Amino acid sequence: MGNESGPLQARRTAGPLRIALNGLLILIPVALGLAVPLYQRTSPTLIGIPFFYWFQMAMAVLAAAGTSTVFRLLFTGDDDGEDGR
């Protein structure tokens, strides 16, 4: 109960480079989605859908994938605090 140390108590700490790279995984699709002048056009179309719409949807999917990847990279193997009682 007191000050136990063991393999479950050791936590990984994310270094500044790792945090910066993980931040970029989230920041890039969000920044591209907010930069409207980059995609404010109708061509090229994808299956009849104008570029403006399918680019926004692609950035939403990339942001979700980036967020999922960051979560897995930072929190895989972490104990959630429950001791199994």
N, C-alpha and C. Protein backbone atom coordinates (compact mmCIF):
# COMPACT_ATOMS: atom_id res chain seq x y z
N MET A 1 0.80 -1.18 0.00
CA MET A 1 0.00 0.00 0.00
C MET A 1 0.85 1.26 0.00
N GLY A 2 1.96 1.23 0.61
CA GLY A 2 2.80 2.42 0.74
C GLY A 2 3.48 2.79 -0.55
N ASN A 3 4.75 3.01 -0.44
CA ASN A 3 5.55 3.42 -1.59
C ASN A 3 6.11 2.20 -2.27
N GLU A 4 5.32 1.62 -3.18
CA GLU A 4 5.75 0.40 -3.87
C GLU A 4 6.46 0.79 -5.15
N SER A 5 7.52 0.06 -5.45
CA SER A 5 8.17 0.28 -6.74
C SER A 5 8.29 -1.06 -7.43
N GLY A 6 8.03 -1.08 -8.67
CA GLY A 6 8.07 -2.31 -9.45
C GLY A 6 7.80 -2.00 -10.90
N PRO A 7 7.64 -3.04 -11.70
CA PRO A 7 7.45 -2.79 -13.13
C PRO A 7 6.15 -2.04 -13.45
N LEU A 8 5.13 -2.20 -12.60
CA LEU A 8 3.89 -1.49 -12.87
C LEU A 8 3.96 -0.02 -12.48
N GLN A 9 4.85 0.32 -11.58
CA GLN A 9 4.97 1.69 -11.14
C GLN A 9 5.81 2.54 -12.09
N ALA A 10 6.65 1.92 -12.88
CA ALA A 10 7.51 2.68 -13.79
C ALA A 10 6.67 3.23 -14.93
N ARG A 11 6.73 4.53 -15.13
CA ARG A 11 5.98 5.18 -16.21
C ARG A 11 6.95 5.70 -17.24
N ARG A 12 6.56 5.56 -18.48
CA ARG A 12 7.35 6.14 -19.55
C ARG A 12 7.11 7.63 -19.59
N THR A 13 8.16 8.37 -19.76
CA THR A 13 7.99 9.80 -19.95
C THR A 13 8.28 10.13 -21.39
N ALA A 14 7.44 10.96 -21.96
CA ALA A 14 7.62 11.34 -23.36
C ALA A 14 8.56 12.53 -23.42
N GLY A 15 9.60 12.40 -24.21
CA GLY A 15 10.54 13.48 -24.38
C GLY A 15 9.97 14.59 -25.25
N PRO A 16 10.64 15.73 -25.29
CA PRO A 16 10.14 16.87 -26.07
C PRO A 16 10.04 16.58 -27.56
N LEU A 17 10.98 15.80 -28.10
CA LEU A 17 10.93 15.47 -29.52
C LEU A 17 9.72 14.60 -29.82
N ARG A 18 9.46 13.64 -28.96
CA ARG A 18 8.32 12.75 -29.14
C ARG A 18 7.00 13.52 -29.06
N ILE A 19 6.91 14.45 -28.13
CA ILE A 19 5.70 15.26 -28.00
C ILE A 19 5.53 16.16 -29.22
N ALA A 20 6.62 16.73 -29.72
CA ALA A 20 6.54 17.59 -30.91
C ALA A 20 6.09 16.80 -32.13
N LEU A 21 6.62 15.61 -32.32
CA LEU A 21 6.21 14.79 -33.46
C LEU A 21 4.75 14.37 -33.35
N ASN A 22 4.32 14.05 -32.14
CA ASN A 22 2.92 13.69 -31.94
C ASN A 22 2.02 14.90 -32.18
N GLY A 23 2.47 16.06 -31.77
CA GLY A 23 1.70 17.28 -32.03
C GLY A 23 1.54 17.55 -33.51
N LEU A 24 2.59 17.28 -34.28
CA LEU A 24 2.51 17.48 -35.73
C LEU A 24 1.51 16.53 -36.38
N LEU A 25 1.39 15.32 -35.85
CA LEU A 25 0.42 14.37 -36.39
C LEU A 25 -1.01 14.90 -36.28
N ILE A 26 -1.26 15.69 -35.28
CA ILE A 26 -2.59 16.27 -35.11
C ILE A 26 -2.68 17.64 -35.80
N LEU A 27 -1.63 18.43 -35.69
CA LEU A 27 -1.66 19.80 -36.19
C LEU A 27 -1.74 19.91 -37.70
N ILE A 28 -1.06 19.05 -38.43
CA ILE A 28 -1.02 19.17 -39.89
C ILE A 28 -2.40 19.06 -40.53
N PRO A 29 -3.19 18.00 -40.27
CA PRO A 29 -4.51 17.96 -40.92
C PRO A 29 -5.45 19.06 -40.44
N VAL A 30 -5.32 19.48 -39.18
CA VAL A 30 -6.17 20.56 -38.67
C VAL A 30 -5.82 21.87 -39.37
N ALA A 31 -4.52 22.18 -39.49
CA ALA A 31 -4.09 23.41 -40.14
C ALA A 31 -4.48 23.42 -41.62
N LEU A 32 -4.33 22.28 -42.29
CA LEU A 32 -4.73 22.22 -43.70
C LEU A 32 -6.24 22.38 -43.86
N GLY A 33 -6.99 21.84 -42.94
CA GLY A 33 -8.44 21.99 -43.01
C GLY A 33 -8.90 23.41 -42.75
N LEU A 34 -8.13 24.17 -41.99
CA LEU A 34 -8.48 25.57 -41.71
C LEU A 34 -7.95 26.53 -42.77
N ALA A 35 -7.06 26.10 -43.62
CA ALA A 35 -6.49 26.95 -44.67
C ALA A 35 -7.38 26.90 -45.91
N VAL A 36 -8.51 27.55 -45.84
CA VAL A 36 -9.51 27.49 -46.90
C VAL A 36 -8.97 27.92 -48.27
N PRO A 37 -8.15 28.95 -48.39
CA PRO A 37 -7.67 29.33 -49.72
C PRO A 37 -6.92 28.20 -50.45
N LEU A 38 -6.39 27.24 -49.73
CA LEU A 38 -5.69 26.13 -50.37
C LEU A 38 -6.64 25.20 -51.14
N TYR A 39 -7.86 25.09 -50.69
CA TYR A 39 -8.77 24.13 -51.31
C TYR A 39 -10.09 24.75 -51.76
N GLN A 40 -10.12 26.05 -51.92
CA GLN A 40 -11.34 26.74 -52.34
C GLN A 40 -11.48 26.69 -53.87
N ARG A 41 -11.76 25.51 -54.36
CA ARG A 41 -11.95 25.29 -55.80
C ARG A 41 -12.78 24.03 -56.00
N THR A 42 -13.23 23.82 -57.21
CA THR A 42 -14.09 22.66 -57.47
C THR A 42 -13.36 21.51 -58.16
N SER A 43 -12.24 21.79 -58.81
CA SER A 43 -11.54 20.69 -59.50
C SER A 43 -10.25 20.39 -58.75
N PRO A 44 -9.79 19.20 -58.73
CA PRO A 44 -10.31 18.00 -59.39
C PRO A 44 -11.46 17.40 -58.60
N THR A 45 -12.32 16.73 -59.31
CA THR A 45 -13.44 16.06 -58.66
C THR A 45 -13.08 14.60 -58.41
N LEU A 46 -13.70 14.05 -57.41
CA LEU A 46 -13.50 12.64 -57.07
C LEU A 46 -14.87 11.98 -57.04
N ILE A 47 -15.14 11.15 -58.02
CA ILE A 47 -16.45 10.48 -58.18
C ILE A 47 -17.57 11.53 -58.22
N GLY A 48 -17.32 12.63 -58.89
CA GLY A 48 -18.31 13.69 -59.03
C GLY A 48 -18.39 14.64 -57.85
N ILE A 49 -17.59 14.43 -56.82
CA ILE A 49 -17.61 15.30 -55.64
C ILE A 49 -16.53 16.37 -55.82
N PRO A 50 -16.89 17.65 -55.68
CA PRO A 50 -15.91 18.72 -55.85
C PRO A 50 -14.78 18.63 -54.82
N PHE A 51 -13.62 19.12 -55.21
CA PHE A 51 -12.42 19.08 -54.38
C PHE A 51 -12.68 19.68 -53.01
N PHE A 52 -13.42 20.80 -52.97
CA PHE A 52 -13.68 21.49 -51.71
C PHE A 52 -14.26 20.54 -50.66
N TYR A 53 -15.18 19.66 -51.06
CA TYR A 53 -15.83 18.77 -50.11
C TYR A 53 -14.98 17.55 -49.77
N TRP A 54 -14.41 16.91 -50.79
CA TRP A 54 -13.68 15.69 -50.46
C TRP A 54 -12.37 15.98 -49.75
N PHE A 55 -11.80 17.16 -49.96
CA PHE A 55 -10.58 17.52 -49.23
C PHE A 55 -10.89 17.70 -47.74
N GLN A 56 -12.01 18.36 -47.43
CA GLN A 56 -12.40 18.53 -46.03
C GLN A 56 -12.63 17.18 -45.35
N MET A 57 -13.28 16.28 -46.04
CA MET A 57 -13.52 14.96 -45.46
C MET A 57 -12.22 14.18 -45.28
N ALA A 58 -11.31 14.33 -46.23
CA ALA A 58 -10.01 13.65 -46.10
C ALA A 58 -9.24 14.20 -44.90
N MET A 59 -9.30 15.50 -44.66
CA MET A 59 -8.61 16.08 -43.51
C MET A 59 -9.25 15.62 -42.20
N ALA A 60 -10.57 15.43 -42.18
CA ALA A 60 -11.23 14.92 -40.98
C ALA A 60 -10.78 13.49 -40.68
N VAL A 61 -10.68 12.68 -41.72
CA VAL A 61 -10.21 11.30 -41.54
C VAL A 61 -8.75 11.28 -41.09
N LEU A 62 -7.91 12.14 -41.70
CA LEU A 62 -6.50 12.20 -41.30
C LEU A 62 -6.34 12.69 -39.86
N ALA A 63 -7.16 13.65 -39.45
CA ALA A 63 -7.09 14.14 -38.07
C ALA A 63 -7.48 13.04 -37.09
N ALA A 64 -8.50 12.26 -37.43
CA ALA A 64 -8.91 11.15 -36.57
C ALA A 64 -7.82 10.09 -36.51
N ALA A 65 -7.22 9.77 -37.65
CA ALA A 65 -6.14 8.78 -37.68
C ALA A 65 -4.92 9.28 -36.90
N GLY A 66 -4.61 10.56 -37.03
CA GLY A 66 -3.48 11.13 -36.29
C GLY A 66 -3.73 11.12 -34.80
N THR A 67 -4.94 11.45 -34.39
CA THR A 67 -5.28 11.43 -32.97
C THR A 67 -5.19 10.01 -32.41
N SER A 68 -5.68 9.05 -33.16
CA SER A 68 -5.60 7.65 -32.74
C SER A 68 -4.15 7.19 -32.62
N THR A 69 -3.34 7.57 -33.59
CA THR A 69 -1.92 7.20 -33.56
C THR A 69 -1.21 7.83 -32.37
N VAL A 70 -1.48 9.09 -32.11
CA VAL A 70 -0.86 9.77 -30.97
C VAL A 70 -1.26 9.10 -29.67
N PHE A 71 -2.53 8.76 -29.54
CA PHE A 71 -2.99 8.10 -28.32
C PHE A 71 -2.26 6.78 -28.12
N ARG A 72 -2.17 6.00 -29.19
CA ARG A 72 -1.50 4.70 -29.09
C ARG A 72 -0.01 4.86 -28.77
N LEU A 73 0.64 5.84 -29.38
CA LEU A 73 2.07 6.04 -29.13
C LEU A 73 2.34 6.52 -27.71
N LEU A 74 1.48 7.37 -27.19
CA LEU A 74 1.75 7.94 -25.87
C LEU A 74 1.22 7.08 -24.72
N PHE A 75 0.14 6.35 -24.94
CA PHE A 75 -0.51 5.70 -23.80
C PHE A 75 -0.56 4.18 -23.87
N THR A 76 0.02 3.55 -24.86
CA THR A 76 0.01 2.10 -24.93
C THR A 76 0.87 1.54 -23.79
N GLY A 77 0.30 0.63 -23.04
CA GLY A 77 1.03 0.00 -21.96
C GLY A 77 0.93 0.72 -20.64
N ASP A 78 0.26 1.87 -20.60
CA ASP A 78 0.09 2.59 -19.33
C ASP A 78 -0.99 1.92 -18.50
N ASP A 79 -0.77 1.88 -17.20
CA ASP A 79 -1.74 1.34 -16.27
C ASP A 79 -2.80 2.41 -16.04
N ASP A 80 -4.05 2.04 -16.01
CA ASP A 80 -5.11 3.02 -15.83
C ASP A 80 -5.40 3.35 -14.37
N GLY A 81 -4.61 2.83 -13.48
CA GLY A 81 -4.75 3.17 -12.07
C GLY A 81 -5.55 2.16 -11.26
N GLU A 82 -6.22 1.24 -11.91
CA GLU A 82 -6.97 0.24 -11.18
C GLU A 82 -6.04 -0.89 -10.77
N ASP A 83 -6.21 -1.39 -9.57
CA ASP A 83 -5.32 -2.44 -9.09
C ASP A 83 -5.95 -3.83 -9.18
N GLY A 84 -7.13 -3.95 -9.80
CA GLY A 84 -7.70 -5.27 -10.05
C GLY A 84 -8.47 -5.87 -8.90
N ARG A 85 -8.82 -5.09 -7.90
CA ARG A 85 -9.58 -5.62 -6.77
C ARG A 85 -11.04 -5.61 -7.03
